[in-house]
Structure formats: C-alpha cells, structure tokens
Amino acid sequence: MKPPTGWARTVVLWPKGAPGALGASEGDIPRLYVYPAAGEGVHSAVIVLPGGGYSNLATEKEGGTEARWLSQHGVTAFVLIYRLGPRYGYPLPMQDGARAIRYVRSHATELGVSKDKIGLWGFSAGGHLAAYLATTHDAGEKNATDPVDRASDRPDFAILSYARLTLDPEIPRKTSLEYLIGRHPTQALVDSVSLDRHVTSDTPPCFLFATSADPQVDSRNSTAFYDALKRAGVPAELHIFERGGHGVGMAQRLSNLPELEIYTTLIANWMEMHGWMTPAPEETANLPKQALR
C-alpha cells in the first residue's frame, strides 16, 4: 500500500501496538498522515477515511488529494490508515477510527486545532466507517491510564461520499461488506453495520454525495441515511448527481462529467456555513457589504 503524498509527518495511533494486532507489519499499524492547515491560528480538522471495500485503501485518490485541498483551505487534515479484512474484521477498523478522533481531540493544542471542530470525510467503505463513528461513539473514559482514551470519539460533522450505509435487503447491492463482517454474518452483526438504523439526535451534521449511476453503491444508501437524519432532527445536506460511476474521488478534472466539478464548492459552502472552513479572501471580497455583517 502506497502512502498518500504531501504529508508533513506520521502519527502511529498505538505506539506500543494496536489492540488485537496480529503482527507488527505495515498492515498491522493504524496511523495518521498529517497535513497541517495553511495560515496562522487555531483551525478545524478533518480526518479523511479512504475507501476500498475494507480490503484495500485508495490512499491518494480518496485521501491525499482531499487532505491537500483541505489544508489549502485552512483546515488541518489527516489521512487515516485503518486495518483491513480479512485479517482484521469488525470491530477493529472501527476501533482505529475512534482512536484517530480521540488522538486529534486529545492533542488539539499541539496540533493547532479546535477540540469541537473535528470532522470526518469518508469514501465508499471509508464513508461507512465515518458514518459508523458518527452514530456510535462515547465521551471517553474519564480515569483511563492513556490520556488519549479520556477524549470523546464523537466527530463534530461528517462528509459521506458514495458511502455504504445500509444492508437493507430492499436496496440492491453487489457485495455485503464481506471483508468487514464475513460471508455468513449473524443478523445481529448485519444490523450493527446497517447505519441508517443507528442514527439518533446525537448524530452530528452530515453532508452526503452520491450518483444515481453508481454501479457499486446504490444512491439509496445515501437517501436512506438522509431520511434517518431528517427523522432524528439532525442537520443534513444531500446531493445526488445523475451521472458518475463509483470512486470519483473529489470529481475534479473529469472531462466527461463536468457537472460534478461543483462538488467541492458544495462541500466548502456547507463547511463555511457551519464555521468549519473560513471563506478565502477573494471570496469575501466580492460579497455585498450586508452579506459580511
């Protein structure tokens, strides 16, 4: 697995070995690649979770590319390398994701980020992991020996790009998260990773992006999750484009799908609206005075 490019440093999430680790090779070591934000001051943060069906990771297309974009827009970014199946199944990738959030929150001062502005951006299976973390979290262990474990693992927002979010039998699918839950999971295990069932009013705001033409992850994954968010009263924004296959990443420079180029603008607008991204100076310079009040 090639690491993403452009990162400043690497953080090993469990320096003494991850819980349940079966070895000490690269695939046994959950870690973060750090992309500090451009500019001075305290920044928001986003942990990017690449997709790959829980069997591999698209670390550049769905990791480094997004992290560099976030950094350039004043957001400190991280690319998470989480453990994969079949060597590591449920719930170990979830533990890696939770640890990443706790690490960033517990080291917020050192990293120059705000403790209450830590979000996730997940793609495909990485979007499934991001949604799991958004719906399943805790406040941390107050008296834990490890200071990282004392921090909450609740993200403050989540961006879910063509994410696997449900195993509802009425929604067509080609795979059933086999690398995460195996080929013959119990119904209880299936229910535990059908994330539309776990949305509550404590789920953080979410931005969802999908395409109707995606042959791998039906866009009804996103609509089912959006409906659950709406029922729970959670702020959410949903965009489904007609064209576009699976794995379009940030959808930049796709000459055959020019309509998708607005995707990053939509994300930036949503993050700016919530105060997780600061508009670029050239953007505010062209606004009418009343819009800046």
C-alpha atoms as a PDB file:
ATOM      1  CA  MET A   1       0.000   0.000   0.000  1.00  0.00           C
ATOM      2  CA  LYS A   2       1.464   3.334  -1.068  1.00  0.00           C
ATOM      3  CA  PRO A   3       1.059   6.229   1.376  1.00  0.00           C
ATOM      4  CA  PRO A   4      -0.561   9.449   0.161  1.00  0.00           C
ATOM      5  CA  THR A   5       1.738  12.263  -0.937  1.00  0.00           C
ATOM      6  CA  GLY A   6       2.439  15.666   0.570  1.00  0.00           C
ATOM      7  CA  TRP A   7       2.099  14.832   4.249  1.00  0.00           C
ATOM      8  CA  ALA A   8       4.199  16.534   6.923  1.00  0.00           C
ATOM      9  CA  ARG A   9       4.537  13.701   9.435  1.00  0.00           C
ATOM     10  CA  THR A  10       3.087  10.364  10.527  1.00  0.00           C
ATOM     11  CA  VAL A  11       1.383   9.516  13.814  1.00  0.00           C
ATOM     12  CA  VAL A  12       1.202   5.891  14.990  1.00  0.00           C
ATOM     13  CA  LEU A  13      -2.062   5.666  16.911  1.00  0.00           C
ATOM     14  CA  TRP A  14      -0.866   2.983  19.354  1.00  0.00           C
ATOM     15  CA  PRO A  15       2.938   3.273  19.680  1.00  0.00           C
ATOM     16  CA  LYS A  16       3.072   0.076  21.752  1.00  0.00           C
ATOM     17  CA  GLY A  17       0.872  -1.890  19.363  1.00  0.00           C
ATOM     18  CA  ALA A  18      -2.811  -1.704  18.490  1.00  0.00           C
ATOM     19  CA  PRO A  19      -5.350  -3.793  20.415  1.00  0.00           C
ATOM     20  CA  GLY A  20      -5.877  -7.084  18.624  1.00  0.00           C
ATOM     21  CA  ALA A  21      -2.813  -6.639  16.392  1.00  0.00           C
ATOM     22  CA  LEU A  22      -1.664  -9.888  14.782  1.00  0.00           C
ATOM     23  CA  GLY A  23       1.818  -8.677  13.935  1.00  0.00           C
ATOM     24  CA  ALA A  24       3.991  -5.609  13.508  1.00  0.00           C
ATOM     25  CA  SER A  25       3.998  -5.150   9.733  1.00  0.00           C
ATOM     26  CA  GLU A  26       2.629  -2.124   7.911  1.00  0.00           C
ATOM     27  CA  GLY A  27      -0.910  -3.537   7.735  1.00  0.00           C
ATOM     28  CA  ASP A  28      -0.963  -4.088  11.497  1.00  0.00           C
ATOM     29  CA  ILE A  29      -0.231  -0.452  12.402  1.00  0.00           C
ATOM     30  CA  PRO A  30      -3.100   2.073  12.320  1.00  0.00           C
ATOM     31  CA  ARG A  31      -1.707   5.564  11.670  1.00  0.00           C
ATOM     32  CA  LEU A  32      -2.434   9.085  10.577  1.00  0.00           C
ATOM     33  CA  TYR A  33      -0.687  11.111   7.885  1.00  0.00           C
ATOM     34  CA  VAL A  34      -0.771  14.761   8.955  1.00  0.00           C
ATOM     35  CA  TYR A  35      -1.402  17.741   6.653  1.00  0.00           C
ATOM     36  CA  PRO A  36      -1.178  20.995   8.675  1.00  0.00           C
ATOM     37  CA  ALA A  37      -3.505  23.798   7.651  1.00  0.00           C
ATOM     38  CA  ALA A  38      -2.217  26.789   5.772  1.00  0.00           C
ATOM     39  CA  GLY A  39      -2.301  30.015   7.773  1.00  0.00           C
ATOM     40  CA  GLU A  40      -1.963  31.016  11.415  1.00  0.00           C
ATOM     41  CA  GLY A  41      -4.337  30.419  14.312  1.00  0.00           C
ATOM     42  CA  VAL A  42      -6.489  27.545  15.546  1.00  0.00           C
ATOM     43  CA  HIS A  43      -8.070  25.519  12.763  1.00  0.00           C
ATOM     44  CA  SER A  44     -10.818  22.994  12.312  1.00  0.00           C
ATOM     45  CA  ALA A  45      -9.727  19.447  11.458  1.00  0.00           C
ATOM     46  CA  VAL A  46     -10.887  16.677   9.140  1.00  0.00           C
ATOM     47  CA  ILE A  47      -9.823  13.039   9.228  1.00  0.00           C
ATOM     48  CA  VAL A  48     -10.081  11.540   5.734  1.00  0.00           C
ATOM     49  CA  LEU A  49     -11.032   7.853   5.508  1.00  0.00           C
ATOM     50  CA  PRO A  50     -10.162   6.285   2.128  1.00  0.00           C
ATOM     51  CA  GLY A  51     -12.387   3.646   0.622  1.00  0.00           C
ATOM     52  CA  GLY A  52     -11.513   0.203  -0.707  1.00  0.00           C
ATOM     53  CA  GLY A  53     -14.168  -2.221   0.466  1.00  0.00           C
ATOM     54  CA  TYR A  54     -12.367  -2.844   3.779  1.00  0.00           C
ATOM     55  CA  SER A  55      -9.811  -4.878   1.771  1.00  0.00           C
ATOM     56  CA  ASN A  56      -7.548  -2.088   0.483  1.00  0.00           C
ATOM     57  CA  LEU A  57      -7.254   1.697   0.688  1.00  0.00           C
ATOM     58  CA  ALA A  58      -7.332   4.311  -2.094  1.00  0.00           C
ATOM     59  CA  THR A  59      -4.919   6.436  -0.077  1.00  0.00           C
ATOM     60  CA  GLU A  60      -4.189   9.038  -2.758  1.00  0.00           C
ATOM     61  CA  LYS A  61      -7.426   9.410  -4.721  1.00  0.00           C
ATOM     62  CA  GLU A  62      -9.569   9.280  -1.583  1.00  0.00           C
ATOM     63  CA  GLY A  63      -7.024  10.525   0.926  1.00  0.00           C
ATOM     64  CA  GLY A  64      -4.064  12.657  -0.031  1.00  0.00           C
ATOM     65  CA  THR A  65      -5.925  14.621  -2.710  1.00  0.00           C
ATOM     66  CA  GLU A  66      -8.638  15.653  -0.263  1.00  0.00           C
ATOM     67  CA  ALA A  67      -6.180  16.313   2.582  1.00  0.00           C
ATOM     68  CA  ARG A  68      -4.135  18.706   0.454  1.00  0.00           C
ATOM     69  CA  TRP A  69      -7.305  20.520  -0.640  1.00  0.00           C
ATOM     70  CA  LEU A  70      -8.448  20.864   2.969  1.00  0.00           C
ATOM     71  CA  SER A  71      -5.034  22.107   4.086  1.00  0.00           C
ATOM     72  CA  GLN A  72      -5.015  24.731   1.358  1.00  0.00           C
ATOM     73  CA  HIS A  73      -8.430  25.882   2.579  1.00  0.00           C
ATOM     74  CA  GLY A  74      -7.293  26.392   6.168  1.00  0.00           C
ATOM     75  CA  VAL A  75      -8.338  23.009   7.597  1.00  0.00           C
ATOM     76  CA  THR A  76      -5.803  20.688   9.226  1.00  0.00           C
ATOM     77  CA  ALA A  77      -6.260  17.291   7.609  1.00  0.00           C
ATOM     78  CA  PHE A  78      -5.308  13.714   8.398  1.00  0.00           C
ATOM     79  CA  VAL A  79      -5.458  10.567   6.296  1.00  0.00           C
ATOM     80  CA  LEU A  80      -6.300   7.503   8.367  1.00  0.00           C
ATOM     81  CA  ILE A  81      -4.743   4.154   7.563  1.00  0.00           C
ATOM     82  CA  TYR A  82      -7.066   1.695   9.285  1.00  0.00           C
ATOM     83  CA  ARG A  83      -6.760  -2.079   9.498  1.00  0.00           C
ATOM     84  CA  LEU A  84      -8.362  -4.202   6.782  1.00  0.00           C
ATOM     85  CA  GLY A  85     -10.030  -7.537   6.229  1.00  0.00           C
ATOM     86  CA  PRO A  86      -9.924 -10.398   6.013  1.00  0.00           C
ATOM     87  CA  ARG A  87      -7.080 -10.145   8.528  1.00  0.00           C
ATOM     88  CA  TYR A  88      -8.953  -7.579  10.609  1.00  0.00           C
ATOM     89  CA  GLY A  89     -12.736  -7.650  10.682  1.00  0.00           C
ATOM     90  CA  TYR A  90     -15.389  -5.894  12.710  1.00  0.00           C
ATOM     91  CA  PRO A  91     -14.957  -4.061  15.046  1.00  0.00           C
ATOM     92  CA  LEU A  92     -11.199  -3.419  14.697  1.00  0.00           C
ATOM     93  CA  PRO A  93     -11.392  -0.860  11.844  1.00  0.00           C
ATOM     94  CA  MET A  94     -13.978   0.970  13.961  1.00  0.00           C
ATOM     95  CA  GLN A  95     -11.579   0.993  16.913  1.00  0.00           C
ATOM     96  CA  ASP A  96      -8.916   2.528  14.663  1.00  0.00           C
ATOM     97  CA  GLY A  97     -11.299   5.274  13.562  1.00  0.00           C
ATOM     98  CA  ALA A  98     -12.388   6.025  17.113  1.00  0.00           C
ATOM     99  CA  ARG A  99      -8.759   6.167  18.230  1.00  0.00           C
ATOM    100  CA  ALA A 100      -7.972   8.650  15.447  1.00  0.00           C
ATOM    101  CA  ILE A 101     -10.678  11.036  16.643  1.00  0.00           C
ATOM    102  CA  ARG A 102      -9.593  10.684  20.269  1.00  0.00           C
ATOM    103  CA  TYR A 103      -5.968  11.305  19.283  1.00  0.00           C
ATOM    104  CA  VAL A 104      -6.708  14.509  17.379  1.00  0.00           C
ATOM    105  CA  ARG A 105      -9.003  15.799  20.134  1.00  0.00           C
ATOM    106  CA  SER A 106      -6.566  14.956  22.949  1.00  0.00           C
ATOM    107  CA  HIS A 107      -3.670  16.580  21.035  1.00  0.00           C
ATOM    108  CA  ALA A 108      -5.684  19.554  19.797  1.00  0.00           C
ATOM    109  CA  THR A 109      -3.435  22.194  21.343  1.00  0.00           C
ATOM    110  CA  GLU A 110      -0.282  20.611  19.950  1.00  0.00           C
ATOM    111  CA  LEU A 111      -1.903  20.245  16.518  1.00  0.00           C
ATOM    112  CA  GLY A 112      -3.363  23.749  16.494  1.00  0.00           C
ATOM    113  CA  VAL A 113      -6.947  22.580  16.039  1.00  0.00           C
ATOM    114  CA  SER A 114     -10.212  23.211  17.827  1.00  0.00           C
ATOM    115  CA  LYS A 115     -11.484  20.353  20.001  1.00  0.00           C
ATOM    116  CA  ASP A 116     -15.072  20.952  18.891  1.00  0.00           C
ATOM    117  CA  LYS A 117     -14.414  21.243  15.159  1.00  0.00           C
ATOM    118  CA  ILE A 118     -13.142  17.757  14.286  1.00  0.00           C
ATOM    119  CA  GLY A 119     -14.877  16.134  11.327  1.00  0.00           C
ATOM    120  CA  LEU A 120     -14.639  13.073   9.108  1.00  0.00           C
ATOM    121  CA  TRP A 121     -14.669  12.674   5.331  1.00  0.00           C
ATOM    122  CA  GLY A 122     -15.169   9.108   4.172  1.00  0.00           C
ATOM    123  CA  PHE A 123     -15.435   7.471   0.756  1.00  0.00           C
ATOM    124  CA  SER A 124     -17.320   4.254  -0.049  1.00  0.00           C
ATOM    125  CA  ALA A 125     -16.268   1.801   2.712  1.00  0.00           C
ATOM    126  CA  GLY A 126     -14.450   4.730   4.354  1.00  0.00           C
ATOM    127  CA  GLY A 127     -17.788   6.526   4.274  1.00  0.00           C
ATOM    128  CA  HIS A 128     -19.322   3.538   6.015  1.00  0.00           C
ATOM    129  CA  LEU A 129     -16.652   3.788   8.693  1.00  0.00           C
ATOM    130  CA  ALA A 130     -17.219   7.550   9.023  1.00  0.00           C
ATOM    131  CA  ALA A 131     -20.974   7.031   9.414  1.00  0.00           C
ATOM    132  CA  TYR A 132     -20.385   4.280  11.972  1.00  0.00           C
ATOM    133  CA  LEU A 133     -18.275   6.676  14.034  1.00  0.00           C
ATOM    134  CA  ALA A 134     -20.903   9.397  13.631  1.00  0.00           C
ATOM    135  CA  THR A 135     -23.633   7.118  15.002  1.00  0.00           C
ATOM    136  CA  THR A 136     -21.648   5.069  17.557  1.00  0.00           C
ATOM    137  CA  HIS A 137     -19.447   6.972  19.997  1.00  0.00           C
ATOM    138  CA  ASP A 138     -18.855   7.773  23.650  1.00  0.00           C
ATOM    139  CA  ALA A 139     -17.494  10.517  25.877  1.00  0.00           C
ATOM    140  CA  GLY A 140     -14.261   8.685  26.698  1.00  0.00           C
ATOM    141  CA  GLU A 141     -13.031   7.063  29.906  1.00  0.00           C
ATOM    142  CA  LYS A 142     -12.507   9.777  32.493  1.00  0.00           C
ATOM    143  CA  ASN A 143      -9.969   7.812  34.536  1.00  0.00           C
ATOM    144  CA  ALA A 144      -8.196   5.975  31.709  1.00  0.00           C
ATOM    145  CA  THR A 145      -4.452   5.459  32.097  1.00  0.00           C
ATOM    146  CA  ASP A 146      -3.896   6.501  28.477  1.00  0.00           C
ATOM    147  CA  PRO A 147      -4.779  10.217  28.127  1.00  0.00           C
ATOM    148  CA  VAL A 148      -5.992   9.620  24.561  1.00  0.00           C
ATOM    149  CA  ASP A 149      -8.727   7.307  25.864  1.00  0.00           C
ATOM    150  CA  ARG A 150     -10.111  10.099  28.045  1.00  0.00           C
ATOM    151  CA  ALA A 151     -11.228  12.097  24.998  1.00  0.00           C
ATOM    152  CA  SER A 152     -14.567  11.701  23.230  1.00  0.00           C
ATOM    153  CA  ASP A 153     -14.611   9.903  19.881  1.00  0.00           C
ATOM    154  CA  ARG A 154     -17.703  11.737  18.625  1.00  0.00           C
ATOM    155  CA  PRO A 155     -16.968  13.616  15.391  1.00  0.00           C
ATOM    156  CA  ASP A 156     -18.446  17.101  15.103  1.00  0.00           C
ATOM    157  CA  PHE A 157     -19.506  16.568  11.485  1.00  0.00           C
ATOM    158  CA  ALA A 158     -19.180  14.015   8.698  1.00  0.00           C
ATOM    159  CA  ILE A 159     -18.917  14.135   4.904  1.00  0.00           C
ATOM    160  CA  LEU A 160     -20.072  10.876   3.323  1.00  0.00           C
ATOM    161  CA  SER A 161     -19.112  10.344  -0.320  1.00  0.00           C
ATOM    162  CA  TYR A 162     -20.832   7.473  -2.172  1.00  0.00           C
ATOM    163  CA  ALA A 163     -20.841   5.648   1.149  1.00  0.00           C
ATOM    164  CA  ARG A 164     -22.117   2.176   2.025  1.00  0.00           C
ATOM    165  CA  LEU A 165     -24.611   2.977   4.748  1.00  0.00           C
ATOM    166  CA  THR A 166     -27.117   0.156   4.938  1.00  0.00           C
ATOM    167  CA  LEU A 167     -27.585  -3.554   4.266  1.00  0.00           C
ATOM    168  CA  ASP A 168     -31.331  -3.156   3.791  1.00  0.00           C
ATOM    169  CA  PRO A 169     -32.309  -6.117   1.555  1.00  0.00           C
ATOM    170  CA  GLU A 170     -34.646  -3.854  -0.432  1.00  0.00           C
ATOM    171  CA  ILE A 171     -31.694  -1.764  -1.660  1.00  0.00           C
ATOM    172  CA  PRO A 172     -29.742  -3.596  -4.424  1.00  0.00           C
ATOM    173  CA  ARG A 173     -26.100  -4.358  -3.697  1.00  0.00           C
ATOM    174  CA  LYS A 174     -23.279  -6.358  -5.245  1.00  0.00           C
ATOM    175  CA  THR A 175     -21.422  -7.008  -2.007  1.00  0.00           C
ATOM    176  CA  SER A 176     -22.335  -7.201   1.665  1.00  0.00           C
ATOM    177  CA  LEU A 177     -19.244  -5.831   3.431  1.00  0.00           C
ATOM    178  CA  GLU A 178     -17.761  -9.343   3.457  1.00  0.00           C
ATOM    179  CA  TYR A 179     -14.259  -8.131   4.314  1.00  0.00           C
ATOM    180  CA  LEU A 180     -15.672  -6.462   7.426  1.00  0.00           C
ATOM    181  CA  ILE A 181     -18.278  -8.939   8.671  1.00  0.00           C
ATOM    182  CA  GLY A 182     -17.507 -12.169   6.781  1.00  0.00           C
ATOM    183  CA  ARG A 183     -19.607 -14.124   4.318  1.00  0.00           C
ATOM    184  CA  HIS A 184     -22.020 -15.596   6.846  1.00  0.00           C
ATOM    185  CA  PRO A 185     -22.675 -12.914   9.478  1.00  0.00           C
ATOM    186  CA  THR A 186     -25.365 -13.204  12.102  1.00  0.00           C
ATOM    187  CA  GLN A 187     -28.385 -10.950  11.721  1.00  0.00           C
ATOM    188  CA  ALA A 188     -27.241  -9.047  14.800  1.00  0.00           C
ATOM    189  CA  LEU A 189     -23.924  -8.276  13.089  1.00  0.00           C
ATOM    190  CA  VAL A 190     -25.690  -7.200   9.891  1.00  0.00           C
ATOM    191  CA  ASP A 191     -27.909  -4.888  11.951  1.00  0.00           C
ATOM    192  CA  SER A 192     -24.906  -3.411  13.737  1.00  0.00           C
ATOM    193  CA  VAL A 193     -23.356  -2.211  10.454  1.00  0.00           C
ATOM    194  CA  SER A 194     -26.639  -1.037   8.871  1.00  0.00           C
ATOM    195  CA  LEU A 195     -26.050   2.503   9.946  1.00  0.00           C
ATOM    196  CA  ASP A 196     -29.359   4.088   8.989  1.00  0.00           C
ATOM    197  CA  ARG A 197     -30.741   2.136  11.960  1.00  0.00           C
ATOM    198  CA  HIS A 198     -28.387   3.817  14.417  1.00  0.00           C
ATOM    199  CA  VAL A 199     -28.984   7.495  13.702  1.00  0.00           C
ATOM    200  CA  THR A 200     -30.082   9.471  16.759  1.00  0.00           C
ATOM    201  CA  SER A 201     -30.417  13.130  17.657  1.00  0.00           C
ATOM    202  CA  ASP A 202     -26.799  12.922  18.874  1.00  0.00           C
ATOM    203  CA  THR A 203     -25.516  12.091  15.390  1.00  0.00           C
ATOM    204  CA  PRO A 204     -23.526  15.113  14.122  1.00  0.00           C
ATOM    205  CA  PRO A 205     -24.428  17.105  10.987  1.00  0.00           C
ATOM    206  CA  CYS A 206     -23.745  15.245   7.748  1.00  0.00           C
ATOM    207  CA  PHE A 207     -23.125  16.095   4.099  1.00  0.00           C
ATOM    208  CA  LEU A 208     -23.913  13.294   1.636  1.00  0.00           C
ATOM    209  CA  PHE A 209     -22.821  12.980  -2.004  1.00  0.00           C
ATOM    210  CA  ALA A 210     -23.746  10.187  -4.411  1.00  0.00           C
ATOM    211  CA  THR A 211     -24.550   9.496  -8.059  1.00  0.00           C
ATOM    212  CA  SER A 212     -27.548   7.666  -9.499  1.00  0.00           C
ATOM    213  CA  ALA A 213     -25.330   5.859 -11.995  1.00  0.00           C
ATOM    214  CA  ASP A 214     -23.020   4.334  -9.365  1.00  0.00           C
ATOM    215  CA  PRO A 215     -22.970   0.567 -10.116  1.00  0.00           C
ATOM    216  CA  GLN A 216     -21.295  -0.394  -6.835  1.00  0.00           C
ATOM    217  CA  VAL A 217     -23.099   1.572  -4.111  1.00  0.00           C
ATOM    218  CA  ASP A 218     -26.731   2.354  -4.865  1.00  0.00           C
ATOM    219  CA  SER A 219     -27.570   6.001  -4.152  1.00  0.00           C
ATOM    220  CA  ARG A 220     -30.441   4.809  -1.972  1.00  0.00           C
ATOM    221  CA  ASN A 221     -27.788   4.168   0.681  1.00  0.00           C
ATOM    222  CA  SER A 222     -27.484   7.945   0.929  1.00  0.00           C
ATOM    223  CA  THR A 223     -31.194   8.676   0.754  1.00  0.00           C
ATOM    224  CA  ALA A 224     -31.970   6.101   3.464  1.00  0.00           C
ATOM    225  CA  PHE A 225     -29.365   7.635   5.751  1.00  0.00           C
ATOM    226  CA  TYR A 226     -30.555  11.159   4.947  1.00  0.00           C
ATOM    227  CA  ASP A 227     -34.135  10.162   5.795  1.00  0.00           C
ATOM    228  CA  ALA A 228     -32.925   8.782   9.138  1.00  0.00           C
ATOM    229  CA  LEU A 229     -31.071  12.026   9.845  1.00  0.00           C
ATOM    230  CA  LYS A 230     -34.176  14.029   8.965  1.00  0.00           C
ATOM    231  CA  ARG A 231     -36.354  11.949  11.281  1.00  0.00           C
ATOM    232  CA  ALA A 232     -33.876  12.480  14.116  1.00  0.00           C
ATOM    233  CA  GLY A 233     -33.705  16.236  13.533  1.00  0.00           C
ATOM    234  CA  VAL A 234     -30.016  16.180  12.555  1.00  0.00           C
ATOM    235  CA  PRO A 235     -28.835  18.929  10.161  1.00  0.00           C
ATOM    236  CA  ALA A 236     -28.011  17.327   6.814  1.00  0.00           C
ATOM    237  CA  GLU A 237     -27.371  18.158   3.184  1.00  0.00           C
ATOM    238  CA  LEU A 238     -27.771  15.659   0.336  1.00  0.00           C
ATOM    239  CA  HIS A 239     -26.605  15.896  -3.297  1.00  0.00           C
ATOM    240  CA  ILE A 240     -27.243  13.128  -5.822  1.00  0.00           C
ATOM    241  CA  PHE A 241     -25.992  13.635  -9.365  1.00  0.00           C
ATOM    242  CA  GLU A 242     -27.423  11.731 -12.303  1.00  0.00           C
ATOM    243  CA  ARG A 243     -24.115  10.703 -13.905  1.00  0.00           C
ATOM    244  CA  GLY A 244     -20.911   9.374 -12.408  1.00  0.00           C
ATOM    245  CA  GLY A 245     -19.603   5.932 -11.578  1.00  0.00           C
ATOM    246  CA  HIS A 246     -18.187   4.667  -8.318  1.00  0.00           C
ATOM    247  CA  GLY A 247     -14.972   6.087  -6.889  1.00  0.00           C
ATOM    248  CA  VAL A 248     -14.924   9.553  -8.470  1.00  0.00           C
ATOM    249  CA  GLY A 249     -12.941  10.947  -5.535  1.00  0.00           C
ATOM    250  CA  MET A 250     -13.223  14.742  -5.487  1.00  0.00           C
ATOM    251  CA  ALA A 251     -14.627  14.632  -9.039  1.00  0.00           C
ATOM    252  CA  GLN A 252     -12.136  17.182 -10.315  1.00  0.00           C
ATOM    253  CA  ARG A 253     -10.971  17.408 -13.914  1.00  0.00           C
ATOM    254  CA  LEU A 254     -13.370  14.744 -15.178  1.00  0.00           C
ATOM    255  CA  SER A 255     -13.827  15.969 -18.735  1.00  0.00           C
ATOM    256  CA  ASN A 256     -16.741  13.614 -19.351  1.00  0.00           C
ATOM    257  CA  LEU A 257     -18.570  14.701 -16.166  1.00  0.00           C
ATOM    258  CA  PRO A 258     -18.163  18.487 -15.948  1.00  0.00           C
ATOM    259  CA  GLU A 259     -21.284  18.851 -13.788  1.00  0.00           C
ATOM    260  CA  LEU A 260     -19.511  17.102 -10.902  1.00  0.00           C
ATOM    261  CA  GLU A 261     -16.859  19.811 -10.621  1.00  0.00           C
ATOM    262  CA  ILE A 262     -19.213  21.781  -8.354  1.00  0.00           C
ATOM    263  CA  TYR A 263     -18.896  19.023  -5.739  1.00  0.00           C
ATOM    264  CA  THR A 264     -16.013  20.610  -3.810  1.00  0.00           C
ATOM    265  CA  THR A 265     -17.714  24.008  -3.949  1.00  0.00           C
ATOM    266  CA  LEU A 266     -20.785  22.471  -2.340  1.00  0.00           C
ATOM    267  CA  ILE A 267     -18.656  20.970   0.432  1.00  0.00           C
ATOM    268  CA  ALA A 268     -16.832  24.255   1.003  1.00  0.00           C
ATOM    269  CA  ASN A 269     -20.130  26.164   1.154  1.00  0.00           C
ATOM    270  CA  TRP A 270     -21.526  23.700   3.697  1.00  0.00           C
ATOM    271  CA  MET A 271     -18.412  23.833   5.863  1.00  0.00           C
ATOM    272  CA  GLU A 272     -18.292  27.638   5.691  1.00  0.00           C
ATOM    273  CA  MET A 273     -21.977  27.839   6.657  1.00  0.00           C
ATOM    274  CA  HIS A 274     -21.261  25.844   9.835  1.00  0.00           C
ATOM    275  CA  GLY A 275     -17.989  27.636  10.659  1.00  0.00           C
ATOM    276  CA  TRP A 276     -15.693  24.691   9.879  1.00  0.00           C
ATOM    277  CA  MET A 277     -13.973  26.449   6.978  1.00  0.00           C
ATOM    278  CA  THR A 278     -13.158  30.127   6.505  1.00  0.00           C
ATOM    279  CA  PRO A 279     -14.027  31.649   3.127  1.00  0.00           C
ATOM    280  CA  ALA A 280     -10.992  32.584   1.044  1.00  0.00           C
ATOM    281  CA  PRO A 281     -10.248  36.343   0.981  1.00  0.00           C
ATOM    282  CA  GLU A 282     -11.072  36.534  -2.724  1.00  0.00           C
ATOM    283  CA  GLU A 283     -14.494  35.029  -1.996  1.00  0.00           C
ATOM    284  CA  THR A 284     -15.437  37.564   0.675  1.00  0.00           C
ATOM    285  CA  ALA A 285     -14.056  40.486  -1.325  1.00  0.00           C
ATOM    286  CA  ASN A 286     -16.815  40.095  -3.902  1.00  0.00           C
ATOM    287  CA  LEU A 287     -19.687  39.814  -1.426  1.00  0.00           C
ATOM    288  CA  PRO A 288     -22.061  42.755  -0.836  1.00  0.00           C
ATOM    289  CA  LYS A 289     -21.445  44.561   2.464  1.00  0.00           C
ATOM    290  CA  GLN A 290     -24.669  43.324   4.053  1.00  0.00           C
ATOM    291  CA  ALA A 291     -23.569  39.696   3.492  1.00  0.00           C
ATOM    292  CA  LEU A 292     -20.456  40.282   5.595  1.00  0.00           C
ATOM    293  CA  ARG A 293     -22.312  41.568   8.651  1.00  0.00           C
END
